[in-house]
Amino acid sequence: MRKIGLVIVAIIFAASGGLAQAEGPGDPTAVKKEDDGKWLDKEGNPTYKISADGTVDWFTYSGYRRYHSDCHVCHGPDGMGSTYAPALKDSVKSMSYGDFLGVVASGRKNISTAAENVMPAFGDNPNVACYMDDLYVYLRARSTDAWGRQRPAKKEEKTEAYTKAEDACMGKK
């Protein structure tokens, strides 16, 4: 399991160009759909796709579920923050995709004279690491107010390619 986490961190580091970038995620408009159902923006970053009838893509739906399973305890309901941790729906406005992956995988420590905030590393936790794109897509939809605080009622179906990737990441054969 540790080996999977280290591989994931290495992939994230390589995907982010090796160094954190200061710019935000840019225009979230979905322009391309991959075989696993993931939508990408013009820069190639994962993004959301919400149809006029309110149907969300699988990654947004899965991200909602994963966020409320693992992240909301510290970061508050629907990415809105808490007294313990910042609002992620606001943080992703100024974070690049690579920065987001790096912080989730490796954690972060902010220490000042007034406070000490620590985000633990989740690169070794497959319940988070295997779903980082899902979390990013959901929080990106929240950050632009494209999706509100409710659970998505309508969703695209999970693709076979997504299921295979999920099984591989989780160590299933």
N, C-alpha and C. Protein backbone atom coordinates (compact mmCIF):
# COMPACT_ATOMS: atom_id res chain seq x y z
N MET A 1 0.84 -1.19 0.00
CA MET A 1 0.00 0.00 0.00
C MET A 1 0.89 1.25 0.00
N ARG A 2 1.96 1.22 0.77
CA ARG A 2 2.87 2.37 0.81
C ARG A 2 3.47 2.62 -0.57
N LYS A 3 3.76 1.53 -1.28
CA LYS A 3 4.34 1.65 -2.61
C LYS A 3 3.39 2.39 -3.56
N ILE A 4 2.09 2.08 -3.48
CA ILE A 4 1.10 2.76 -4.32
C ILE A 4 1.10 4.25 -4.02
N GLY A 5 1.14 4.61 -2.73
CA GLY A 5 1.14 6.01 -2.35
C GLY A 5 2.36 6.75 -2.88
N LEU A 6 3.52 6.12 -2.82
CA LEU A 6 4.73 6.76 -3.32
C LEU A 6 4.68 6.92 -4.83
N VAL A 7 4.11 5.93 -5.53
CA VAL A 7 3.97 6.02 -6.97
C VAL A 7 3.03 7.17 -7.32
N ILE A 8 1.93 7.28 -6.58
CA ILE A 8 0.97 8.36 -6.83
C ILE A 8 1.63 9.72 -6.62
N VAL A 9 2.39 9.88 -5.54
CA VAL A 9 3.07 11.15 -5.28
C VAL A 9 4.06 11.47 -6.40
N ALA A 10 4.78 10.47 -6.90
CA ALA A 10 5.74 10.69 -7.98
C ALA A 10 5.02 11.12 -9.26
N ILE A 11 3.89 10.49 -9.55
CA ILE A 11 3.11 10.86 -10.74
C ILE A 11 2.61 12.29 -10.61
N ILE A 12 2.12 12.64 -9.44
CA ILE A 12 1.60 13.99 -9.21
C ILE A 12 2.72 15.01 -9.37
N PHE A 13 3.88 14.71 -8.82
CA PHE A 13 5.01 15.63 -8.93
C PHE A 13 5.37 15.84 -10.39
N ALA A 14 5.41 14.76 -11.16
CA ALA A 14 5.74 14.87 -12.58
C ALA A 14 4.66 15.62 -13.34
N ALA A 15 3.39 15.34 -13.04
CA ALA A 15 2.27 15.99 -13.74
C ALA A 15 2.23 17.49 -13.47
N SER A 16 2.68 17.88 -12.31
CA SER A 16 2.63 19.30 -11.97
C SER A 16 3.86 20.06 -12.48
N GLY A 17 4.72 19.37 -13.19
CA GLY A 17 5.92 20.03 -13.71
C GLY A 17 7.03 20.05 -12.68
N GLY A 18 6.83 19.41 -11.55
CA GLY A 18 7.85 19.32 -10.53
C GLY A 18 7.85 20.46 -9.53
N LEU A 19 7.34 21.59 -9.92
CA LEU A 19 7.32 22.75 -9.05
C LEU A 19 5.92 23.31 -8.98
N ALA A 20 5.57 23.85 -7.85
CA ALA A 20 4.26 24.47 -7.68
C ALA A 20 4.15 25.70 -8.56
N GLN A 21 2.94 25.93 -9.05
CA GLN A 21 2.70 27.10 -9.89
C GLN A 21 1.73 28.02 -9.15
N ALA A 22 1.88 29.31 -9.33
CA ALA A 22 1.07 30.27 -8.58
C ALA A 22 -0.28 30.56 -9.21
N GLU A 23 -0.41 30.39 -10.53
CA GLU A 23 -1.66 30.76 -11.17
C GLU A 23 -2.79 29.81 -10.80
N GLY A 24 -4.01 30.33 -10.91
CA GLY A 24 -5.18 29.53 -10.62
C GLY A 24 -5.52 28.61 -11.77
N PRO A 25 -6.64 27.93 -11.67
CA PRO A 25 -6.98 26.92 -12.66
C PRO A 25 -7.46 27.45 -14.01
N GLY A 26 -7.81 28.73 -14.10
CA GLY A 26 -8.24 29.29 -15.38
C GLY A 26 -9.69 28.98 -15.71
N ASP A 27 -10.01 29.08 -16.98
CA ASP A 27 -11.37 28.89 -17.49
C ASP A 27 -11.81 27.44 -17.30
N PRO A 28 -12.90 27.21 -16.57
CA PRO A 28 -13.33 25.84 -16.28
C PRO A 28 -14.16 25.18 -17.39
N THR A 29 -14.37 25.87 -18.51
CA THR A 29 -15.23 25.33 -19.56
C THR A 29 -14.70 23.99 -20.07
N ALA A 30 -15.57 22.99 -20.06
CA ALA A 30 -15.21 21.65 -20.52
C ALA A 30 -15.15 21.63 -22.04
N VAL A 31 -14.03 21.13 -22.59
CA VAL A 31 -13.88 21.10 -24.04
C VAL A 31 -13.62 19.69 -24.58
N LYS A 32 -13.20 18.77 -23.73
CA LYS A 32 -12.86 17.42 -24.20
C LYS A 32 -13.24 16.41 -23.13
N LYS A 33 -13.81 15.29 -23.58
CA LYS A 33 -14.18 14.21 -22.67
C LYS A 33 -13.29 13.00 -22.95
N GLU A 34 -12.68 12.47 -21.89
CA GLU A 34 -11.83 11.29 -22.02
C GLU A 34 -12.67 10.02 -21.89
N ASP A 35 -12.06 8.89 -22.20
CA ASP A 35 -12.77 7.60 -22.15
C ASP A 35 -13.32 7.25 -20.78
N ASP A 36 -12.64 7.72 -19.74
CA ASP A 36 -13.11 7.41 -18.38
C ASP A 36 -14.22 8.34 -17.91
N GLY A 37 -14.66 9.27 -18.78
CA GLY A 37 -15.74 10.19 -18.43
C GLY A 37 -15.25 11.52 -17.89
N LYS A 38 -13.94 11.68 -17.73
CA LYS A 38 -13.40 12.93 -17.20
C LYS A 38 -13.41 14.00 -18.27
N TRP A 39 -13.91 15.17 -17.92
CA TRP A 39 -13.89 16.33 -18.80
C TRP A 39 -12.64 17.14 -18.53
N LEU A 40 -12.08 17.73 -19.58
CA LEU A 40 -10.88 18.57 -19.46
C LEU A 40 -11.18 19.95 -20.00
N ASP A 41 -10.51 20.96 -19.42
CA ASP A 41 -10.61 22.32 -19.95
C ASP A 41 -9.59 22.49 -21.07
N LYS A 42 -9.50 23.68 -21.63
CA LYS A 42 -8.60 23.90 -22.77
C LYS A 42 -7.13 23.73 -22.40
N GLU A 43 -6.80 23.83 -21.10
CA GLU A 43 -5.43 23.64 -20.64
C GLU A 43 -5.12 22.17 -20.33
N GLY A 44 -6.14 21.31 -20.40
CA GLY A 44 -5.95 19.89 -20.10
C GLY A 44 -6.16 19.53 -18.64
N ASN A 45 -6.68 20.47 -17.85
CA ASN A 45 -6.97 20.20 -16.44
C ASN A 45 -8.36 19.60 -16.29
N PRO A 46 -8.54 18.70 -15.32
CA PRO A 46 -9.87 18.15 -15.08
C PRO A 46 -10.87 19.25 -14.71
N THR A 47 -12.07 19.14 -15.23
CA THR A 47 -13.10 20.12 -14.94
C THR A 47 -14.46 19.44 -14.92
N TYR A 48 -15.47 20.18 -14.59
CA TYR A 48 -16.83 19.68 -14.47
C TYR A 48 -17.62 19.92 -15.75
N LYS A 49 -18.68 19.16 -15.89
CA LYS A 49 -19.63 19.37 -16.99
C LYS A 49 -21.02 19.15 -16.40
N ILE A 50 -21.80 20.20 -16.39
CA ILE A 50 -23.15 20.14 -15.86
C ILE A 50 -24.11 20.51 -16.99
N SER A 51 -25.00 19.58 -17.32
CA SER A 51 -25.96 19.79 -18.41
C SER A 51 -27.05 20.75 -17.97
N ALA A 52 -27.76 21.28 -18.94
CA ALA A 52 -28.84 22.24 -18.68
C ALA A 52 -29.92 21.64 -17.77
N ASP A 53 -30.10 20.32 -17.83
CA ASP A 53 -31.12 19.67 -16.99
C ASP A 53 -30.61 19.33 -15.59
N GLY A 54 -29.37 19.74 -15.27
CA GLY A 54 -28.82 19.51 -13.94
C GLY A 54 -28.05 18.21 -13.78
N THR A 55 -27.86 17.47 -14.87
CA THR A 55 -27.07 16.24 -14.81
C THR A 55 -25.59 16.60 -14.71
N VAL A 56 -24.92 16.04 -13.71
CA VAL A 56 -23.48 16.31 -13.53
C VAL A 56 -22.68 15.13 -14.09
N ASP A 57 -21.47 15.41 -14.47
CA ASP A 57 -20.56 14.36 -14.91
C ASP A 57 -20.24 13.46 -13.72
N TRP A 58 -19.73 12.26 -14.00
CA TRP A 58 -19.44 11.29 -12.95
C TRP A 58 -18.40 11.82 -11.96
N PHE A 59 -17.37 12.53 -12.43
CA PHE A 59 -16.31 13.02 -11.54
C PHE A 59 -16.85 14.03 -10.53
N THR A 60 -17.75 14.91 -10.95
CA THR A 60 -18.35 15.85 -10.01
C THR A 60 -19.15 15.11 -8.95
N TYR A 61 -19.94 14.15 -9.39
CA TYR A 61 -20.75 13.36 -8.45
C TYR A 61 -19.85 12.58 -7.48
N SER A 62 -18.87 11.90 -8.02
CA SER A 62 -17.95 11.13 -7.18
C SER A 62 -17.18 12.05 -6.24
N GLY A 63 -16.78 13.21 -6.74
CA GLY A 63 -16.07 14.18 -5.90
C GLY A 63 -16.91 14.66 -4.74
N TYR A 64 -18.20 14.89 -5.00
CA TYR A 64 -19.13 15.26 -3.92
C TYR A 64 -19.12 14.17 -2.84
N ARG A 65 -19.26 12.93 -3.26
CA ARG A 65 -19.31 11.81 -2.31
C ARG A 65 -17.99 11.68 -1.55
N ARG A 66 -16.88 11.75 -2.25
CA ARG A 66 -15.56 11.60 -1.62
C ARG A 66 -15.27 12.77 -0.68
N TYR A 67 -15.61 13.97 -1.09
CA TYR A 67 -15.40 15.14 -0.24
C TYR A 67 -16.13 14.95 1.09
N HIS A 68 -17.38 14.53 1.02
CA HIS A 68 -18.17 14.39 2.24
C HIS A 68 -17.82 13.14 3.02
N SER A 69 -17.02 12.27 2.45
CA SER A 69 -16.54 11.10 3.15
C SER A 69 -15.24 11.39 3.90
N ASP A 70 -14.36 12.19 3.30
CA ASP A 70 -13.02 12.35 3.86
C ASP A 70 -12.59 13.78 4.18
N CYS A 71 -13.16 14.78 3.55
CA CYS A 71 -12.63 16.14 3.66
C CYS A 71 -13.48 17.08 4.52
N HIS A 72 -14.77 16.85 4.56
CA HIS A 72 -15.67 17.81 5.21
C HIS A 72 -15.45 17.91 6.71
N VAL A 73 -14.87 16.90 7.30
CA VAL A 73 -14.64 16.93 8.75
C VAL A 73 -13.80 18.13 9.15
N CYS A 74 -12.78 18.42 8.36
CA CYS A 74 -11.93 19.58 8.64
C CYS A 74 -12.35 20.82 7.85
N HIS A 75 -12.65 20.63 6.56
CA HIS A 75 -12.88 21.77 5.67
C HIS A 75 -14.33 22.21 5.57
N GLY A 76 -15.20 21.64 6.38
CA GLY A 76 -16.58 22.09 6.44
C GLY A 76 -17.44 21.54 5.32
N PRO A 77 -18.75 21.68 5.48
CA PRO A 77 -19.67 21.16 4.46
C PRO A 77 -19.50 21.88 3.13
N ASP A 78 -19.50 21.10 2.06
CA ASP A 78 -19.50 21.65 0.71
C ASP A 78 -18.31 22.55 0.40
N GLY A 79 -17.20 22.31 1.05
CA GLY A 79 -15.98 23.07 0.77
C GLY A 79 -15.98 24.48 1.31
N MET A 80 -16.90 24.77 2.24
CA MET A 80 -17.08 26.15 2.70
C MET A 80 -16.18 26.55 3.88
N GLY A 81 -15.36 25.63 4.36
CA GLY A 81 -14.42 25.95 5.42
C GLY A 81 -15.01 25.78 6.80
N SER A 82 -14.14 25.90 7.79
CA SER A 82 -14.53 25.78 9.19
C SER A 82 -13.56 26.61 10.03
N THR A 83 -13.76 26.60 11.31
CA THR A 83 -12.80 27.29 12.18
C THR A 83 -11.48 26.53 12.24
N TYR A 84 -11.49 25.31 11.76
CA TYR A 84 -10.32 24.44 11.82
C TYR A 84 -9.48 24.47 10.53
N ALA A 85 -10.15 24.61 9.37
CA ALA A 85 -9.44 24.54 8.10
C ALA A 85 -10.11 25.46 7.07
N PRO A 86 -9.36 25.90 6.06
CA PRO A 86 -9.90 26.87 5.10
C PRO A 86 -10.96 26.31 4.16
N ALA A 87 -11.67 27.22 3.52
CA ALA A 87 -12.68 26.87 2.53
C ALA A 87 -11.98 26.44 1.24
N LEU A 88 -12.08 25.17 0.92
CA LEU A 88 -11.42 24.68 -0.28
C LEU A 88 -12.07 25.21 -1.55
N LYS A 89 -13.35 25.53 -1.49
CA LYS A 89 -14.00 26.10 -2.68
C LYS A 89 -13.39 27.46 -3.02
N ASP A 90 -12.80 28.13 -2.04
CA ASP A 90 -12.09 29.38 -2.30
C ASP A 90 -10.63 29.12 -2.65
N SER A 91 -10.02 28.14 -2.00
CA SER A 91 -8.61 27.83 -2.25
C SER A 91 -8.34 27.42 -3.69
N VAL A 92 -9.24 26.62 -4.28
CA VAL A 92 -8.98 26.16 -5.65
C VAL A 92 -9.09 27.28 -6.69
N LYS A 93 -9.62 28.42 -6.30
CA LYS A 93 -9.69 29.55 -7.22
C LYS A 93 -8.30 30.07 -7.56
N SER A 94 -7.37 29.94 -6.63
CA SER A 94 -6.03 30.47 -6.85
C SER A 94 -4.96 29.39 -6.92
N MET A 95 -5.35 28.14 -6.86
CA MET A 95 -4.39 27.02 -6.93
C MET A 95 -4.42 26.39 -8.30
N SER A 96 -3.26 26.07 -8.82
CA SER A 96 -3.22 25.29 -10.05
C SER A 96 -3.59 23.85 -9.72
N TYR A 97 -3.90 23.09 -10.74
CA TYR A 97 -4.21 21.68 -10.58
C TYR A 97 -3.03 20.95 -9.93
N GLY A 98 -1.82 21.24 -10.38
CA GLY A 98 -0.63 20.62 -9.80
C GLY A 98 -0.45 20.95 -8.34
N ASP A 99 -0.71 22.21 -7.97
CA ASP A 99 -0.61 22.61 -6.57
C ASP A 99 -1.61 21.83 -5.72
N PHE A 100 -2.83 21.72 -6.21
CA PHE A 100 -3.87 20.98 -5.48
C PHE A 100 -3.43 19.54 -5.24
N LEU A 101 -2.96 18.87 -6.30
CA LEU A 101 -2.52 17.49 -6.15
C LEU A 101 -1.37 17.37 -5.15
N GLY A 102 -0.44 18.29 -5.24
CA GLY A 102 0.71 18.26 -4.34
C GLY A 102 0.33 18.43 -2.88
N VAL A 103 -0.57 19.36 -2.60
CA VAL A 103 -0.99 19.59 -1.21
C VAL A 103 -1.76 18.39 -0.67
N VAL A 104 -2.67 17.84 -1.47
CA VAL A 104 -3.43 16.68 -1.01
C VAL A 104 -2.51 15.49 -0.78
N ALA A 105 -1.59 15.24 -1.70
CA ALA A 105 -0.69 14.10 -1.59
C ALA A 105 0.34 14.26 -0.48
N SER A 106 0.95 15.44 -0.40
CA SER A 106 2.09 15.63 0.51
C SER A 106 1.76 16.39 1.79
N GLY A 107 0.59 17.04 1.84
CA GLY A 107 0.24 17.83 3.01
C GLY A 107 0.84 19.21 2.95
N ARG A 108 0.58 19.96 4.00
CA ARG A 108 1.08 21.34 4.06
C ARG A 108 1.12 21.76 5.52
N LYS A 109 2.10 22.59 5.83
CA LYS A 109 2.19 23.14 7.18
C LYS A 109 2.37 24.63 7.07
N ASN A 110 1.45 25.40 7.65
CA ASN A 110 1.55 26.86 7.70
C ASN A 110 1.69 27.26 9.16
N ILE A 111 2.81 27.83 9.49
CA ILE A 111 3.07 28.22 10.88
C ILE A 111 3.36 29.71 10.93
N SER A 112 2.65 30.40 11.80
CA SER A 112 2.91 31.82 12.02
C SER A 112 2.86 32.06 13.52
N THR A 113 3.08 33.29 13.93
CA THR A 113 3.02 33.60 15.35
C THR A 113 1.59 33.48 15.89
N ALA A 114 0.60 33.59 15.01
CA ALA A 114 -0.80 33.55 15.45
C ALA A 114 -1.43 32.16 15.37
N ALA A 115 -0.92 31.30 14.50
CA ALA A 115 -1.58 30.02 14.32
C ALA A 115 -0.63 28.99 13.72
N GLU A 116 -1.01 27.74 13.86
CA GLU A 116 -0.32 26.64 13.22
C GLU A 116 -1.38 25.77 12.56
N ASN A 117 -1.35 25.71 11.22
CA ASN A 117 -2.30 24.91 10.47
C ASN A 117 -1.55 23.78 9.77
N VAL A 118 -2.04 22.57 9.92
CA VAL A 118 -1.38 21.43 9.32
C VAL A 118 -2.41 20.63 8.52
N MET A 119 -2.12 20.45 7.25
CA MET A 119 -2.91 19.58 6.40
C MET A 119 -2.12 18.28 6.29
N PRO A 120 -2.69 17.17 6.75
CA PRO A 120 -1.95 15.91 6.66
C PRO A 120 -1.80 15.44 5.21
N ALA A 121 -0.81 14.62 4.96
CA ALA A 121 -0.60 14.04 3.63
C ALA A 121 -1.57 12.88 3.43
N PHE A 122 -2.20 12.83 2.25
CA PHE A 122 -3.13 11.76 1.92
C PHE A 122 -2.64 10.90 0.75
N GLY A 123 -1.37 11.06 0.36
CA GLY A 123 -0.83 10.30 -0.76
C GLY A 123 -0.81 8.81 -0.54
N ASP A 124 -0.78 8.37 0.71
CA ASP A 124 -0.79 6.94 1.03
C ASP A 124 -2.18 6.41 1.34
N ASN A 125 -3.18 7.25 1.31
CA ASN A 125 -4.55 6.84 1.60
C ASN A 125 -5.31 6.65 0.30
N PRO A 126 -5.54 5.40 -0.13
CA PRO A 126 -6.20 5.20 -1.42
C PRO A 126 -7.62 5.75 -1.47
N ASN A 127 -8.28 5.90 -0.33
CA ASN A 127 -9.63 6.46 -0.31
C ASN A 127 -9.64 7.94 -0.68
N VAL A 128 -8.48 8.57 -0.64
CA VAL A 128 -8.34 9.95 -1.09
C VAL A 128 -7.49 10.00 -2.36
N ALA A 129 -6.33 9.36 -2.33
CA ALA A 129 -5.38 9.43 -3.44
C ALA A 129 -5.97 8.93 -4.75
N CYS A 130 -6.80 7.91 -4.71
CA CYS A 130 -7.39 7.37 -5.93
C CYS A 130 -8.49 8.26 -6.50
N TYR A 131 -8.88 9.27 -5.74
CA TYR A 131 -10.00 10.13 -6.15
C TYR A 131 -9.65 11.61 -6.15
N MET A 132 -8.36 11.94 -6.28
CA MET A 132 -7.96 13.35 -6.24
C MET A 132 -8.57 14.15 -7.39
N ASP A 133 -8.66 13.56 -8.58
CA ASP A 133 -9.28 14.29 -9.69
C ASP A 133 -10.76 14.54 -9.41
N ASP A 134 -11.43 13.57 -8.83
CA ASP A 134 -12.85 13.72 -8.49
C ASP A 134 -13.03 14.87 -7.50
N LEU A 135 -12.19 14.91 -6.48
CA LEU A 135 -12.26 15.98 -5.48
C LEU A 135 -11.99 17.34 -6.12
N TYR A 136 -10.98 17.39 -6.98
CA TYR A 136 -10.64 18.64 -7.64
C TYR A 136 -11.80 19.14 -8.50
N VAL A 137 -12.40 18.23 -9.27
CA VAL A 137 -13.51 18.60 -10.16
C VAL A 137 -14.69 19.12 -9.34
N TYR A 138 -15.04 18.41 -8.28
CA TYR A 138 -16.16 18.86 -7.42
C TYR A 138 -15.87 20.24 -6.83
N LEU A 139 -14.68 20.42 -6.28
CA LEU A 139 -14.35 21.71 -5.66
C LEU A 139 -14.25 22.81 -6.71
N ARG A 140 -13.84 22.48 -7.89
CA ARG A 140 -13.80 23.47 -8.97
C ARG A 140 -15.22 23.92 -9.32
N ALA A 141 -16.16 22.98 -9.37
CA ALA A 141 -17.56 23.35 -9.63
C ALA A 141 -18.11 24.20 -8.50
N ARG A 142 -17.74 23.90 -7.27
CA ARG A 142 -18.18 24.71 -6.12
C ARG A 142 -17.54 26.09 -6.17
N SER A 143 -16.28 26.17 -6.59
CA SER A 143 -15.55 27.44 -6.56
C SER A 143 -16.11 28.46 -7.55
N THR A 144 -16.73 27.99 -8.61
CA THR A 144 -17.30 28.88 -9.61
C THR A 144 -18.82 29.01 -9.45
N ASP A 145 -19.35 28.43 -8.40
CA ASP A 145 -20.79 28.40 -8.15
C ASP A 145 -21.57 27.72 -9.27
N ALA A 146 -20.90 26.85 -10.03
CA ALA A 146 -21.59 26.06 -11.05
C ALA A 146 -22.44 24.98 -10.39
N TRP A 147 -22.03 24.57 -9.19
CA TRP A 147 -22.81 23.60 -8.42
C TRP A 147 -22.98 24.14 -7.01
N GLY A 148 -24.17 23.97 -6.49
CA GLY A 148 -24.49 24.47 -5.16
C GLY A 148 -24.16 23.47 -4.06
N ARG A 149 -24.82 23.63 -2.95
CA ARG A 149 -24.51 22.83 -1.77
C ARG A 149 -25.23 21.48 -1.73
N GLN A 150 -26.09 21.21 -2.67
CA GLN A 150 -26.88 19.99 -2.62
C GLN A 150 -26.16 18.81 -3.27
N ARG A 151 -26.59 17.61 -2.90
CA ARG A 151 -26.09 16.40 -3.52
C ARG A 151 -26.65 16.35 -4.95
N PRO A 152 -25.81 16.03 -5.93
CA PRO A 152 -26.33 15.95 -7.30
C PRO A 152 -27.41 14.88 -7.42
N ALA A 153 -28.57 15.27 -7.93
CA ALA A 153 -29.68 14.34 -8.08
C ALA A 153 -29.55 13.51 -9.35
N LYS A 154 -28.96 14.10 -10.40
CA LYS A 154 -28.79 13.40 -11.67
C LYS A 154 -27.31 13.38 -12.02
N LYS A 155 -26.87 12.21 -12.46
CA LYS A 155 -25.45 12.06 -12.78
C LYS A 155 -25.27 11.19 -14.01
N GLU A 156 -24.14 11.40 -14.69
CA GLU A 156 -23.77 10.50 -15.76
C GLU A 156 -23.40 9.16 -15.14
N GLU A 157 -23.48 8.10 -15.90
CA GLU A 157 -23.10 6.78 -15.41
C GLU A 157 -21.58 6.67 -15.30
N LYS A 158 -21.16 5.84 -14.37
CA LYS A 158 -19.73 5.55 -14.24
C LYS A 158 -19.30 4.70 -15.43
N THR A 159 -18.21 5.08 -16.07
CA THR A 159 -17.75 4.34 -17.25
C THR A 159 -16.96 3.10 -16.84
N GLU A 160 -16.85 2.19 -17.77
CA GLU A 160 -16.05 0.99 -17.53
C GLU A 160 -14.58 1.35 -17.34
N ALA A 161 -14.09 2.33 -18.10
CA ALA A 161 -12.70 2.77 -17.98
C ALA A 161 -12.44 3.36 -16.59
N TYR A 162 -13.39 4.13 -16.05
CA TYR A 162 -13.26 4.68 -14.71
C TYR A 162 -13.19 3.54 -13.70
N THR A 163 -14.09 2.57 -13.83
CA THR A 163 -14.14 1.43 -12.90
C THR A 163 -12.82 0.67 -12.92
N LYS A 164 -12.26 0.44 -14.10
CA LYS A 164 -10.99 -0.28 -14.20
C LYS A 164 -9.86 0.50 -13.52
N ALA A 165 -9.80 1.81 -13.76
CA ALA A 165 -8.76 2.64 -13.14
C ALA A 165 -8.93 2.66 -11.62
N GLU A 166 -10.17 2.77 -11.17
CA GLU A 166 -10.45 2.77 -9.74
C GLU A 166 -10.01 1.45 -9.11
N ASP A 167 -10.38 0.34 -9.73
CA ASP A 167 -9.99 -0.98 -9.21
C ASP A 167 -8.48 -1.13 -9.15
N ALA A 168 -7.79 -0.68 -10.20
CA ALA A 168 -6.33 -0.78 -10.22
C ALA A 168 -5.71 0.05 -9.10
N CYS A 169 -6.21 1.27 -8.92
CA CYS A 169 -5.68 2.15 -7.87
C CYS A 169 -5.92 1.58 -6.48
N MET A 170 -7.08 0.97 -6.29
CA MET A 170 -7.43 0.42 -4.99
C MET A 170 -6.82 -0.96 -4.75
N GLY A 171 -6.09 -1.49 -5.76
CA GLY A 171 -5.41 -2.76 -5.60
C GLY A 171 -6.26 -3.98 -5.90
N LYS A 172 -7.41 -3.78 -6.54
CA LYS A 172 -8.28 -4.90 -6.92
C LYS A 172 -7.80 -5.47 -8.25
N LYS A 173 -8.04 -6.75 -8.42
CA LYS A 173 -7.63 -7.41 -9.68
C LYS A 173 -8.80 -7.62 -10.58
